[in-house]
Each structure stands twice: as C-alpha cells, then as structure tokens.
Amino acid sequence: MVSQHGIFLAVSIISDHFGPLVSKVCRCLLRHGALPLQEIVRRLELSPGQVKNSLLVLIQHNCVQAFNSPRGSGDKTTTHYLAIFENILHRQRFSKFVSVIRADIPESEALLEGLLQNGRLTFDQLVERTISKIPEGSITPTREEIRMNFNKLVFAHYVERCPKPEPFFDPLVDEQPTLTRKRAPKTVEIVLSIDKKVVNTAALSDAERYSEIPCIMEDASNANDSPHSSISGAKRKRNAIEVDAELNSTIAENEVLYRANFEKFIFCLKKKFCAERKKPKLKVGTHPIREAFFEASLIERDNNSVTSPINGILERLGQKEGSTSMTLDHITRVLEELNCSPSSEDPDSFTLDLSRIIEASRNEEIESLVKKKYGQEAFIIFRLLVREGCPVETDKIIDTTILDKQIVHGTLYKLWKDEYIDTERILSGTGTGNSQFFVWRVKNTFREQFIDNLYHAALNLRQMVNYIAELLLEGSKDDTKLRNRKNILILALIRHDDSLMLFQDF
C-alpha cells in the first residue's frame, strides 16, 4: 500500500506532465486501487469521455494497466484500471535513463528519447520521429540504420514489447486457500501484492518481450512503400511460407508497440550505485579490479547479483594503466576480499551479491539520519538494535555501548517516542518480589516511515521548484538569482531521488 505522501508525490508528477484532469483520475486509482470506468466516473463526478481520455493518456505512458476481471457468476467480464506507482515515479528519472544509454549505446539515444517522451510507439512511428528530428543540412539516417540501432536497444533489453493490453485476472481465484490447490514442494514463496500479480499476468514471455525486428521486416516495408510493388510481386513466384513471413513482419513493424524497459534501467542504476559504493575506502590497488569486475559483467541471471567471467576481468584490467602486471592469484584474492565468490554455474566466473550491499547501504542511510537528529549516542544504540535484530535488554545495551545509564534511558525514550523502536516489559521469573526489566527492538515499520519521509521531502522539493518556475514566468528583477536557486533545487531533487531509489526500487 502506497503511503499518503507517496500518493501526493505521484499525483504531483502526473499533474506537472499531463495536467490536473489526468492527475485527478490518477489520484483516484492510487487511493482506491483498481476500479472500473463507471466507478471512477461516479467517484470523481466527471464525464465518461473525460475519464476515458485521461485513462488513455496514462496507459499510453505506462502509468496504468488495464485488465479484465469476472463480473457476477456468469461469463461476463469488466475492465478494471490499475495505477502503477513505480512507473509514475520513474518519470522523474528519464534523464538518468538517457545517461545510461549515452554511455552504453550512444547511437541509439534518440530512439530511447522518443520512447520516453511518447510512452509507446511502433517502429514505424519511431522512424518517422527520428527522421523529423534531424536538423536541416545533416545526413538523414536510412531506415536500415535506424532498425539496427533499435535492435541494439532490444537486444540489450533496454526496450521491450508492450504487455498484453487487457489480460484476464481473477483476484478470487488467485487468493484461494493453499489447501484447495495441488500440493507443491515446500519452497519459500514470495508474497506478491495484487498490483504485482496483475503486472506479471500482463507481461509477455521473454522471447516475445525482446524479439528484434529482423531484416525481412525491412524488406517487406520497403516493398510496400514502392509504387511498383504490386507489379513486381505479381511477376515473382513466392510460396505460402514466404508470404506469411512478410505479412507477419509488416504487421509487427506497423502495429506492435514498444516501450522503454524500466526494470533494466533500474538494474543498471543499481549496479552503478553498488560499483561506486565505498570507493574511497578501498585499499590501494583494489579499485581497478573492482571497476573491471563491474565493467565485465555481461551475464544477468537476476536483479540481485552481478556475474563476470575471469577472462573478461583480465581483458578490462589490461586496458587500465598500471594494471597489466597483476597476477591471476592477486586478482582472485582481491575479488574474494571484495566479497565476490566463484559462480556455482561457471567455475571461471565470479559473482557479487548486490542485495547485501543494498541492505548495508539502507541501514547506513537510516543510521546517519538518526545520528543527525538525535546525536552520536542514539546512533550507537540504534545501530546495535539493527544489528542484533531481536529484543535487547536495557542492561545489555548499557554494557555493550559503554554509555552512561541516564543517557541510555533518555535516548531510548526519544527513539521510542518518535516510533523508531518498540519496547516490552518482561516480568522476571527468578528472585523474589515483582522483578521486571525492559527489552528494546527496532520497530518493524521504521523503514516504511523512513520511505514516507523521503516521499514528503521529494514532494516539498518539487513544489519549491514549481513555485520558482511560476515566479520566473511572471517576471522578476532577480531572474538570475531565481534561476540559480531553481537549478540548485533540481540538483537536490536528483540527489534525493538516489536515496528514494535505494529504498523503493533497489
């Protein structure tokens, strides 16, 4: 469930990009979950046409997913509309996504910008947009060159085919008790929200998501564009397989919609974050090896680890100054010190668990906030409770932290009052009299509270940027000062979004 400030932030983004009417529909979906068209109209008291147009805009830009759900006991279905909160927040990260492509596939940057700005496009629409953006006097790329650059994005999973437009999803069947289902091997199941289940239901298979446009599509399109295509086609003899292939290729080029794959971009940003983490604290000589490890990572089995072959690491090190003299034993020892372990699937590769780095980074982020807000003593106590992960007695906290008893009691009270920690009174079973003691533990919801504070801070920054933008439009004597202030706030918002991604997306 999205927090209140998270909803306000998402609505602010949609309002800035698409206006107040679309943001009103988005706010309704974020607050009440998936709803049919008639229910949205009833709640907002808008005309069906206004709501429908707003939903089309949100679907076009990947902010809403439609799905069919059964209605009553018959075979009738109703179309529901679900707001995808994560995709809405990704709209403020488009500049970061473009920087990823600029570093990896710079020749495909214009194609990605087209998808980010327009949401969903066919390949033909991308070709038209790309050619229209070429300045006068510059060389216009051919359709074949655009196709090759586009296929590079698809091959690298930066671009994917759009999901099913209205898949069937029955929440009642999905939430059946486990006793009514077939018995399965005992494994740890990840509990998914209804939103995630709908998105997974709409997703295509990997073979469909990342299917490139083959050359036969290009030939078919050029043949259709030629005025003599019908004459030349009549003269040539083609079998049924070739005709079907060309027909399917033409349909795919003209009708299949593509979009940016946010999941891939978030993984790239996650990998970059982990690669730069603790860079100043590395030992002398280990930085080039760590850098080469991340540069050589071509295998992506999941979103929580990075795997690099040792040959790729050696190749990247050979390109770095002063690293050619390193021996294989030294490189292997440094990789193990960096918590890289040999891959279970390939003995000549090393794997790094990103989730451990992310978890440690999250704890450090929260601990630094506690330190700024409550001081060094609170930082020490809070870190102890986080690392213990279980209830800790007051006396044990005093003995472990070596802090004054009065300071520990006062600090624990402050943290408990602000809902960072929980306490419980335990009656002692030994000795005489009514002996009792208190135990303390980190509150289960402290991270949700921290994320909500991040949403609130991001919302405040956006509102300040918008306020200054309005002042600039009205005209002011201090335009230069206002522009500088606006740029500073935008930079602060971008840096703040890094912390938001750490907790929300990584």
Protein backbone atom coordinates (compact mmCIF):
# COMPACT_ATOMS: atom_id res chain seq x y z
CA MET A 1 0.00 0.00 0.00
CA VAL A 2 1.37 3.39 -1.02
CA SER A 3 1.74 5.92 1.80
CA GLN A 4 -0.08 9.24 1.79
CA HIS A 5 2.96 11.31 0.86
CA GLY A 6 3.83 8.78 -1.84
CA ILE A 7 0.41 9.36 -3.43
CA PHE A 8 0.88 13.14 -3.21
CA LEU A 9 4.28 12.83 -4.91
CA ALA A 10 2.96 10.63 -7.74
CA VAL A 11 -0.02 12.95 -8.32
CA SER A 12 2.34 15.95 -8.42
CA ILE A 13 4.43 14.27 -11.13
CA ILE A 14 1.38 13.41 -13.24
CA SER A 15 -0.04 16.91 -12.78
CA ASP A 16 3.21 18.51 -13.98
CA HIS A 17 3.38 16.24 -17.03
CA PHE A 18 -0.26 15.85 -18.10
CA GLY A 19 -2.34 18.43 -16.26
CA PRO A 20 -4.85 18.50 -13.37
CA LEU A 21 -7.59 16.40 -15.02
CA VAL A 22 -5.36 13.38 -15.65
CA SER A 23 -3.82 13.72 -12.18
CA LYS A 24 -7.30 13.65 -10.66
CA VAL A 25 -8.01 10.27 -12.26
CA CYS A 26 -4.57 9.02 -11.20
CA ARG A 27 -5.15 10.10 -7.58
CA CYS A 28 -8.44 8.19 -7.52
CA LEU A 29 -6.76 4.97 -8.69
CA LEU A 30 -3.84 5.33 -6.27
CA ARG A 31 -6.15 5.85 -3.30
CA HIS A 32 -8.78 3.20 -4.07
CA GLY A 33 -6.89 0.61 -6.11
CA ALA A 34 -8.11 -0.96 -9.36
CA LEU A 35 -11.52 0.40 -10.42
CA PRO A 36 -13.81 0.05 -13.47
CA LEU A 37 -14.61 3.05 -15.62
CA GLN A 38 -18.11 3.58 -14.19
CA GLU A 39 -16.79 3.64 -10.62
CA ILE A 40 -14.13 6.22 -11.47
CA VAL A 41 -16.79 8.40 -13.12
CA ARG A 42 -19.03 8.09 -10.04
CA ARG A 43 -16.27 8.95 -7.57
CA LEU A 44 -14.88 11.93 -9.48
CA GLU A 45 -18.17 13.23 -10.90
CA LEU A 46 -16.57 13.69 -14.32
CA SER A 47 -17.98 12.80 -17.73
CA PRO A 48 -17.16 9.32 -19.10
CA GLY A 49 -15.33 10.95 -22.01
CA GLN A 50 -13.02 12.92 -19.71
CA VAL A 51 -12.18 9.85 -17.62
CA LYS A 52 -11.67 7.67 -20.70
CA ASN A 53 -9.30 10.18 -22.32
CA SER A 54 -7.34 10.52 -19.07
CA LEU A 55 -7.01 6.73 -18.80
CA LEU A 56 -5.82 6.52 -22.41
CA VAL A 57 -3.09 9.07 -21.63
CA LEU A 58 -2.00 7.15 -18.53
CA ILE A 59 -1.99 3.82 -20.40
CA GLN A 60 -0.05 5.35 -23.31
CA HIS A 61 2.65 6.46 -20.87
CA ASN A 62 2.75 3.13 -18.94
CA CYS A 63 1.26 4.57 -15.75
CA VAL A 64 -1.93 2.44 -15.79
CA GLN A 65 -2.52 -1.22 -16.63
CA ALA A 66 -5.98 -2.37 -17.72
CA PHE A 67 -7.18 -5.92 -17.01
CA ASN A 68 -10.41 -7.90 -17.28
CA SER A 69 -11.99 -9.34 -14.15
CA PRO A 70 -15.09 -11.58 -13.88
CA ARG A 71 -18.41 -9.91 -13.10
CA GLY A 72 -21.01 -11.95 -11.24
CA SER A 73 -21.40 -15.69 -11.70
CA GLY A 74 -21.65 -15.68 -15.50
CA ASP A 75 -19.05 -15.35 -18.21
CA LYS A 76 -19.21 -11.56 -18.33
CA THR A 77 -16.10 -9.52 -17.50
CA THR A 78 -15.42 -5.93 -16.51
CA THR A 79 -12.36 -3.90 -17.41
CA HIS A 80 -10.53 -2.53 -14.37
CA TYR A 81 -7.77 0.07 -14.37
CA LEU A 82 -4.77 -0.15 -12.05
CA ALA A 83 -2.27 2.69 -11.42
CA ILE A 84 1.36 1.52 -11.44
CA PHE A 85 3.01 3.63 -8.75
CA GLU A 86 6.61 2.67 -9.57
CA ASN A 87 6.27 3.65 -13.23
CA ILE A 88 4.91 7.04 -12.24
CA LEU A 89 7.97 7.73 -10.08
CA HIS A 90 10.26 6.58 -12.91
CA ARG A 91 9.10 9.59 -14.92
CA GLN A 92 11.39 11.82 -12.84
CA ARG A 93 14.36 9.55 -13.72
CA PHE A 94 14.27 9.86 -17.50
CA SER A 95 17.47 11.92 -17.56
CA LYS A 96 19.25 9.12 -15.66
CA PHE A 97 17.93 6.53 -18.12
CA VAL A 98 19.21 8.57 -21.06
CA SER A 99 22.65 8.84 -19.42
CA VAL A 100 22.78 5.03 -19.20
CA ILE A 101 22.18 4.73 -22.96
CA ARG A 102 24.59 7.57 -23.72
CA ALA A 103 27.34 5.59 -22.01
CA ASP A 104 26.39 2.18 -23.45
CA ILE A 105 24.76 2.68 -26.90
CA PRO A 106 25.12 6.39 -27.78
CA GLU A 107 23.92 5.92 -31.36
CA SER A 108 20.52 4.77 -30.02
CA GLU A 109 19.97 7.73 -27.68
CA ALA A 110 17.46 9.49 -29.95
CA LEU A 111 15.33 6.34 -30.20
CA LEU A 112 15.14 5.97 -26.44
CA GLU A 113 14.25 9.64 -26.00
CA GLY A 114 11.34 9.11 -28.39
CA LEU A 115 10.00 6.22 -26.29
CA LEU A 116 10.45 8.09 -23.02
CA GLN A 117 8.66 11.17 -24.32
CA ASN A 118 5.81 9.35 -26.06
CA GLY A 119 5.40 6.26 -23.88
CA ARG A 120 4.54 3.65 -26.51
CA LEU A 121 5.40 3.74 -30.22
CA THR A 122 5.56 1.38 -33.15
CA PHE A 123 8.79 1.03 -35.06
CA ASP A 124 7.33 3.00 -37.96
CA GLN A 125 6.42 5.86 -35.62
CA LEU A 126 9.96 5.81 -34.20
CA VAL A 127 11.42 6.01 -37.71
CA GLU A 128 9.20 8.99 -38.58
CA ARG A 129 10.09 10.79 -35.34
CA THR A 130 13.81 10.14 -35.72
CA ILE A 131 13.91 11.48 -39.26
CA SER A 132 11.81 14.53 -38.34
CA LYS A 133 14.28 15.44 -35.57
CA ILE A 134 17.29 15.56 -37.92
CA PRO A 135 18.44 19.19 -38.37
CA GLU A 136 18.46 20.68 -41.86
CA GLY A 137 21.74 20.09 -43.66
CA SER A 138 22.56 16.96 -41.60
CA ILE A 139 22.74 13.46 -43.06
CA THR A 140 19.41 11.63 -42.67
CA PRO A 141 19.87 8.04 -41.43
CA THR A 142 18.40 5.27 -43.54
CA ARG A 143 15.62 3.05 -42.29
CA GLU A 144 18.08 0.15 -42.10
CA GLU A 145 20.44 2.15 -39.84
CA ILE A 146 17.56 3.09 -37.55
CA ARG A 147 16.47 -0.54 -37.43
CA MET A 148 19.99 -1.67 -36.45
CA ASN A 149 20.19 0.93 -33.67
CA PHE A 150 16.73 -0.04 -32.47
CA ASN A 151 17.63 -3.74 -32.38
CA LYS A 152 20.64 -2.89 -30.22
CA LEU A 153 18.26 -1.49 -27.59
CA VAL A 154 16.02 -4.56 -27.81
CA PHE A 155 18.96 -6.99 -27.70
CA ALA A 156 20.31 -5.27 -24.56
CA HIS A 157 16.78 -5.33 -23.03
CA TYR A 158 16.59 -1.54 -22.80
CA VAL A 159 13.44 -1.69 -24.95
CA GLU A 160 10.66 -4.27 -24.84
CA ARG A 161 7.34 -5.02 -26.45
CA CYS A 162 4.39 -3.65 -24.53
CA PRO A 163 2.48 -6.06 -22.23
CA LYS A 164 -0.92 -7.53 -23.01
CA PRO A 165 -3.46 -4.69 -23.23
CA GLU A 166 -6.27 -6.29 -21.16
CA PRO A 167 -5.26 -9.66 -19.66
CA PHE A 168 -7.73 -11.72 -17.65
CA PHE A 169 -7.11 -11.72 -13.91
CA ASP A 170 -9.42 -13.11 -11.23
CA PRO A 171 -8.42 -11.96 -7.72
CA LEU A 172 -10.74 -14.54 -6.09
CA VAL A 173 -9.10 -17.47 -7.85
CA ASP A 174 -5.65 -16.06 -7.16
CA GLU A 175 -6.39 -15.79 -3.43
CA GLN A 176 -7.70 -19.35 -2.99
CA PRO A 177 -6.58 -21.11 0.21
CA THR A 178 -3.50 -23.22 -0.26
CA LEU A 179 -5.46 -26.35 0.81
CA THR A 180 -7.61 -26.22 -2.32
CA ARG A 181 -4.60 -26.13 -4.60
CA LYS A 182 -2.39 -29.01 -5.70
CA ARG A 183 0.38 -29.84 -3.34
CA ALA A 184 3.74 -28.47 -4.35
CA PRO A 185 7.25 -28.95 -2.97
CA LYS A 186 7.95 -26.96 0.15
CA THR A 187 9.69 -23.80 -1.01
CA VAL A 188 9.81 -20.26 0.27
CA GLU A 189 7.12 -18.28 -1.55
CA ILE A 190 7.40 -14.54 -2.07
CA VAL A 191 4.06 -12.93 -1.27
CA LEU A 192 3.13 -10.58 -4.10
CA SER A 193 0.63 -7.75 -3.94
CA ILE A 194 -2.38 -7.69 -6.24
CA ASP A 195 -0.69 -4.92 -8.23
CA LYS A 196 2.40 -7.07 -8.86
CA LYS A 197 0.27 -10.06 -9.82
CA VAL A 198 -1.66 -8.02 -12.39
CA VAL A 199 1.59 -6.71 -13.89
CA ASN A 200 3.03 -10.24 -14.03
CA THR A 201 -0.15 -11.53 -15.68
CA ALA A 202 0.10 -8.85 -18.37
CA ALA A 203 3.80 -9.47 -19.02
CA LEU A 204 4.84 -11.31 -22.18
CA SER A 205 7.35 -14.14 -22.26
CA ASP A 206 10.99 -13.10 -22.61
CA ALA A 207 11.06 -14.38 -26.19
CA GLU A 208 8.18 -12.07 -27.08
CA ARG A 209 9.30 -9.09 -24.96
CA TYR A 210 12.74 -8.91 -26.53
CA SER A 211 12.01 -10.00 -30.09
CA GLU A 212 14.02 -7.89 -32.53
CA ILE A 213 12.91 -6.67 -35.95
CA PRO A 214 14.59 -8.98 -38.50
CA CYS A 215 15.70 -7.90 -41.93
CA ILE A 216 12.65 -9.49 -43.56
CA MET A 217 10.50 -6.82 -41.89
CA GLU A 218 12.63 -4.14 -43.51
CA ASP A 219 12.30 -5.77 -46.92
CA ALA A 220 8.56 -6.11 -46.56
CA SER A 221 8.17 -2.47 -45.55
CA ASN A 222 10.28 -1.23 -48.45
CA ALA A 223 8.31 -3.40 -50.84
CA ASN A 224 5.04 -1.93 -49.59
CA ASP A 225 6.39 1.63 -49.95
CA SER A 226 7.36 1.07 -53.62
CA PRO A 227 4.71 2.05 -56.24
CA HIS A 228 5.70 -0.96 -58.35
CA SER A 229 5.41 -3.48 -55.52
CA SER A 230 2.17 -4.99 -56.84
CA ILE A 231 3.60 -5.40 -60.35
CA SER A 232 6.88 -6.91 -59.21
CA GLY A 233 5.03 -9.08 -56.75
CA ALA A 234 2.83 -10.46 -59.48
CA LYS A 235 5.83 -11.38 -61.57
CA ARG A 236 7.65 -13.20 -58.80
CA LYS A 237 6.59 -16.57 -57.50
CA ARG A 238 6.59 -16.98 -53.77
CA ASN A 239 5.49 -19.87 -51.69
CA ALA A 240 2.99 -19.60 -48.84
CA ILE A 241 5.68 -19.56 -46.11
CA GLU A 242 7.39 -16.50 -47.58
CA VAL A 243 4.10 -14.63 -47.95
CA ASP A 244 3.11 -15.36 -44.34
CA ALA A 245 6.55 -14.27 -43.12
CA GLU A 246 6.34 -10.96 -44.93
CA LEU A 247 2.77 -10.38 -43.75
CA ASN A 248 3.72 -11.05 -40.12
CA SER A 249 6.76 -8.82 -40.46
CA THR A 250 4.72 -5.93 -41.83
CA ILE A 251 2.18 -6.29 -39.02
CA ALA A 252 4.95 -6.34 -36.43
CA GLU A 253 6.55 -3.17 -37.81
CA ASN A 254 3.31 -1.23 -38.13
CA GLU A 255 1.22 -2.47 -35.20
CA VAL A 256 3.48 -3.85 -32.43
CA LEU A 257 4.05 -1.27 -29.70
CA TYR A 258 7.38 -0.89 -27.93
CA ARG A 259 8.32 0.91 -24.72
CA ALA A 260 11.35 1.53 -22.50
CA ASN A 261 12.10 -1.32 -20.10
CA PHE A 262 12.26 0.47 -16.73
CA GLU A 263 13.32 -2.72 -14.96
CA LYS A 264 16.54 -2.88 -16.99
CA PHE A 265 17.39 0.77 -16.38
CA ILE A 266 16.82 0.44 -12.64
CA PHE A 267 19.14 -2.57 -12.58
CA CYS A 268 21.83 -0.56 -14.41
CA LEU A 269 21.49 2.27 -11.89
CA LYS A 270 21.59 -0.27 -9.07
CA LYS A 271 24.77 -1.81 -10.45
CA LYS A 272 26.32 1.64 -10.82
CA PHE A 273 25.38 2.51 -7.23
CA CYS A 274 26.99 -0.67 -5.90
CA ALA A 275 30.10 -0.14 -8.04
CA GLU A 276 30.65 3.35 -6.59
CA ARG A 277 29.79 2.32 -3.03
CA LYS A 278 32.68 2.71 -0.59
CA LYS A 279 35.04 3.62 -3.43
CA PRO A 280 37.13 5.99 -1.23
CA LYS A 281 37.55 3.27 1.44
CA LEU A 282 39.08 0.64 -0.88
CA LYS A 283 42.68 -0.47 -0.38
CA VAL A 284 45.35 0.77 -2.76
CA GLY A 285 45.34 -1.35 -5.93
CA THR A 286 41.89 -2.87 -5.42
CA HIS A 287 39.91 -0.10 -7.16
CA PRO A 288 40.92 -1.11 -10.76
CA ILE A 289 39.95 -4.73 -10.07
CA ARG A 290 36.55 -3.78 -8.65
CA GLU A 291 35.98 -1.45 -11.61
CA ALA A 292 36.98 -4.15 -14.11
CA PHE A 293 34.65 -6.64 -12.42
CA PHE A 294 31.60 -4.43 -12.96
CA GLU A 295 32.66 -3.50 -16.50
CA ALA A 296 33.00 -7.16 -17.47
CA SER A 297 29.57 -8.16 -16.17
CA LEU A 298 27.69 -9.36 -19.25
CA ILE A 299 25.63 -12.13 -17.64
CA GLU A 300 22.47 -11.07 -15.82
CA ARG A 301 20.76 -14.06 -14.27
CA ASP A 302 18.74 -11.96 -11.81
CA ASN A 303 18.44 -8.43 -10.48
CA ASN A 304 20.24 -9.13 -7.20
CA SER A 305 23.67 -10.23 -8.36
CA VAL A 306 26.40 -9.48 -10.90
CA THR A 307 28.46 -12.21 -12.54
CA SER A 308 31.66 -11.58 -14.51
CA PRO A 309 33.98 -14.09 -16.22
CA ILE A 310 37.59 -14.00 -15.15
CA ASN A 311 38.73 -13.62 -18.78
CA GLY A 312 36.57 -10.51 -19.13
CA ILE A 313 38.03 -9.06 -15.91
CA LEU A 314 41.58 -9.69 -17.18
CA GLU A 315 40.72 -8.06 -20.51
CA ARG A 316 39.35 -4.93 -18.81
CA LEU A 317 42.37 -4.75 -16.49
CA GLY A 318 44.69 -4.93 -19.50
CA GLN A 319 43.12 -1.69 -20.73
CA LYS A 320 43.82 0.16 -17.48
CA GLU A 321 47.06 1.95 -16.73
CA GLY A 322 49.31 0.20 -14.22
CA SER A 323 47.20 -2.98 -14.02
CA THR A 324 48.93 -5.18 -16.60
CA SER A 325 51.45 -6.55 -14.09
CA MET A 326 48.80 -8.00 -11.74
CA THR A 327 48.92 -11.79 -11.40
CA LEU A 328 45.86 -14.03 -11.54
CA ASP A 329 46.35 -15.10 -7.90
CA HIS A 330 46.44 -11.47 -6.77
CA ILE A 331 43.28 -10.63 -8.74
CA THR A 332 41.47 -13.68 -7.35
CA ARG A 333 42.47 -12.82 -3.77
CA VAL A 334 41.28 -9.21 -4.17
CA LEU A 335 37.94 -10.38 -5.63
CA GLU A 336 37.41 -12.61 -2.61
CA GLU A 337 38.23 -9.68 -0.30
CA LEU A 338 35.56 -7.68 -2.15
CA ASN A 339 33.03 -10.41 -1.24
CA CYS A 340 32.98 -11.84 -4.77
CA SER A 341 32.57 -15.62 -4.75
CA PRO A 342 33.12 -18.21 -7.51
CA SER A 343 29.95 -18.79 -9.50
CA SER A 344 28.16 -22.09 -8.84
CA GLU A 345 27.26 -22.40 -12.54
CA ASP A 346 30.61 -21.40 -14.03
CA PRO A 347 33.85 -22.01 -12.08
CA ASP A 348 35.67 -19.43 -14.23
CA SER A 349 33.31 -16.62 -13.19
CA PHE A 350 32.81 -14.59 -10.02
CA THR A 351 29.50 -13.43 -8.55
CA LEU A 352 28.79 -10.46 -6.28
CA ASP A 353 25.59 -10.36 -4.23
CA LEU A 354 24.19 -6.85 -4.68
CA SER A 355 21.44 -7.35 -2.10
CA ARG A 356 24.00 -7.39 0.73
CA ILE A 357 25.45 -4.07 -0.43
CA ILE A 358 21.97 -2.58 -0.77
CA GLU A 359 20.91 -3.79 2.68
CA ALA A 360 24.04 -2.36 4.30
CA SER A 361 23.55 0.94 2.45
CA ARG A 362 19.95 1.22 3.62
CA ASN A 363 20.95 0.67 7.24
CA GLU A 364 23.73 3.26 6.97
CA GLU A 365 21.30 5.76 5.44
CA ILE A 366 18.84 5.42 8.32
CA GLU A 367 21.58 5.37 10.94
CA SER A 368 23.03 8.61 9.56
CA LEU A 369 19.59 10.22 9.87
CA VAL A 370 19.32 9.07 13.48
CA LYS A 371 22.78 10.48 14.14
CA LYS A 372 21.90 13.89 12.68
CA LYS A 373 18.60 14.04 14.53
CA TYR A 374 19.48 12.61 17.94
CA GLY A 375 23.27 12.60 18.22
CA GLN A 376 26.14 10.10 18.43
CA GLU A 377 24.69 8.19 21.41
CA ALA A 378 21.42 7.49 19.58
CA PHE A 379 23.40 6.40 16.53
CA ILE A 380 25.36 3.85 18.57
CA ILE A 381 22.24 2.45 20.28
CA PHE A 382 20.19 2.29 17.07
CA ARG A 383 22.99 0.53 15.17
CA LEU A 384 23.24 -2.04 17.96
CA LEU A 385 19.49 -2.78 17.80
CA VAL A 386 19.57 -3.05 13.98
CA ARG A 387 22.48 -5.48 14.02
CA GLU A 388 21.05 -7.60 16.82
CA GLY A 389 17.74 -7.97 15.01
CA CYS A 390 15.98 -9.13 18.18
CA PRO A 391 14.84 -7.67 21.54
CA VAL A 392 17.75 -6.42 23.66
CA GLU A 393 17.67 -5.77 27.43
CA THR A 394 18.42 -2.31 28.76
CA ASP A 395 21.36 -3.55 30.83
CA LYS A 396 22.88 -5.27 27.79
CA ILE A 397 22.61 -2.03 25.80
CA ILE A 398 24.40 -0.16 28.60
CA ASP A 399 27.15 -2.81 28.85
CA THR A 400 27.68 -3.09 25.07
CA THR A 401 27.68 0.61 24.23
CA ILE A 402 29.61 1.66 27.38
CA LEU A 403 27.36 4.71 27.73
CA ASP A 404 26.06 6.35 30.88
CA LYS A 405 22.88 4.78 32.24
CA GLN A 406 20.93 8.03 32.27
CA ILE A 407 21.96 8.84 28.69
CA VAL A 408 20.85 5.38 27.50
CA HIS A 409 17.47 5.70 29.22
CA GLY A 410 16.86 9.19 27.82
CA THR A 411 17.92 8.21 24.29
CA LEU A 412 15.79 5.06 24.27
CA TYR A 413 12.79 7.13 25.34
CA LYS A 414 13.33 9.63 22.48
CA LEU A 415 13.62 6.87 19.88
CA TRP A 416 10.55 5.11 21.28
CA LYS A 417 8.53 8.33 21.35
CA ASP A 418 9.31 9.01 17.68
CA GLU A 419 8.37 5.40 16.77
CA TYR A 420 11.82 4.23 15.72
CA ILE A 421 11.89 1.44 18.32
CA ASP A 422 9.45 -0.66 20.35
CA THR A 423 9.69 -1.71 23.99
CA GLU A 424 8.22 -4.51 26.05
CA ARG A 425 8.05 -5.06 29.79
CA ILE A 426 9.17 -8.55 30.88
CA LEU A 427 8.43 -9.98 34.31
CA SER A 428 11.39 -11.81 35.78
CA GLY A 429 10.74 -15.38 36.94
CA THR A 430 13.73 -15.53 39.25
CA GLY A 431 14.32 -13.97 42.62
CA THR A 432 11.78 -12.52 44.99
CA GLY A 433 9.39 -9.63 44.61
CA ASN A 434 7.94 -8.12 41.47
CA SER A 435 11.16 -8.00 39.47
CA GLN A 436 10.86 -6.74 35.89
CA PHE A 437 13.01 -5.41 33.03
CA PHE A 438 12.53 -3.84 29.63
CA VAL A 439 13.64 -5.10 26.22
CA TRP A 440 14.00 -2.91 23.11
CA ARG A 441 13.93 -3.68 19.40
CA VAL A 442 13.79 -1.75 16.14
CA LYS A 443 10.21 -1.19 15.03
CA ASN A 444 9.08 -3.31 12.08
CA THR A 445 7.64 -0.27 10.28
CA PHE A 446 10.60 2.08 10.73
CA ARG A 447 11.63 1.65 7.09
CA GLU A 448 8.13 2.40 5.83
CA GLN A 449 8.17 5.54 7.97
CA PHE A 450 11.59 6.48 6.57
CA ILE A 451 10.41 5.97 2.95
CA ASP A 452 7.34 8.11 3.64
CA ASN A 453 9.65 10.87 4.88
CA LEU A 454 11.61 10.56 1.63
CA TYR A 455 8.37 10.94 -0.36
CA HIS A 456 7.50 14.00 1.71
CA ALA A 457 10.90 15.60 1.14
CA ALA A 458 10.75 14.93 -2.62
CA LEU A 459 7.27 16.46 -2.75
CA ASN A 460 8.47 19.59 -0.95
CA LEU A 461 11.39 19.97 -3.36
CA ARG A 462 9.11 19.61 -6.40
CA GLN A 463 6.71 22.20 -5.01
CA MET A 464 9.57 24.65 -4.41
CA VAL A 465 10.84 24.15 -7.98
CA ASN A 466 7.34 24.71 -9.39
CA TYR A 467 6.89 27.84 -7.27
CA ILE A 468 10.14 29.37 -8.57
CA ALA A 469 9.15 28.42 -12.14
CA GLU A 470 5.90 30.35 -11.69
CA LEU A 471 7.82 33.38 -10.40
CA LEU A 472 10.07 33.26 -13.46
CA LEU A 473 7.04 33.16 -15.77
CA GLU A 474 5.55 36.20 -14.04
CA GLY A 475 8.78 38.11 -14.47
CA SER A 476 11.06 39.41 -11.72
CA LYS A 477 14.06 41.69 -11.27
CA ASP A 478 16.03 38.82 -9.70
CA ASP A 479 15.65 36.35 -12.61
CA THR A 480 19.29 35.27 -12.42
CA LYS A 481 19.09 34.58 -8.70
CA LEU A 482 15.82 32.66 -9.13
CA ARG A 483 17.25 30.53 -11.93
CA ASN A 484 20.30 29.68 -9.85
CA ARG A 485 18.08 28.75 -6.93
CA LYS A 486 15.91 26.62 -9.20
CA ASN A 487 18.95 24.77 -10.57
CA ILE A 488 20.19 24.09 -7.05
CA LEU A 489 16.80 22.67 -6.04
CA ILE A 490 16.69 20.48 -9.16
CA LEU A 491 20.14 19.08 -8.33
CA ALA A 492 19.00 18.45 -4.76
CA LEU A 493 15.92 16.64 -6.08
CA ILE A 494 18.05 14.43 -8.35
CA ARG A 495 20.37 13.51 -5.46
CA HIS A 496 17.42 12.93 -3.16
CA ASP A 497 15.93 10.59 -5.75
CA ASP A 498 19.04 8.40 -5.41
CA SER A 499 18.05 7.74 -1.78
CA LEU A 500 14.47 7.13 -2.84
CA MET A 501 15.60 4.54 -5.41
CA LEU A 502 17.77 2.86 -2.78
CA PHE A 503 14.71 2.07 -0.65
CA GLN A 504 11.95 1.91 -3.26
CA ASP A 505 13.50 0.25 -6.32
CA PHE A 506 16.84 -1.35 -5.45
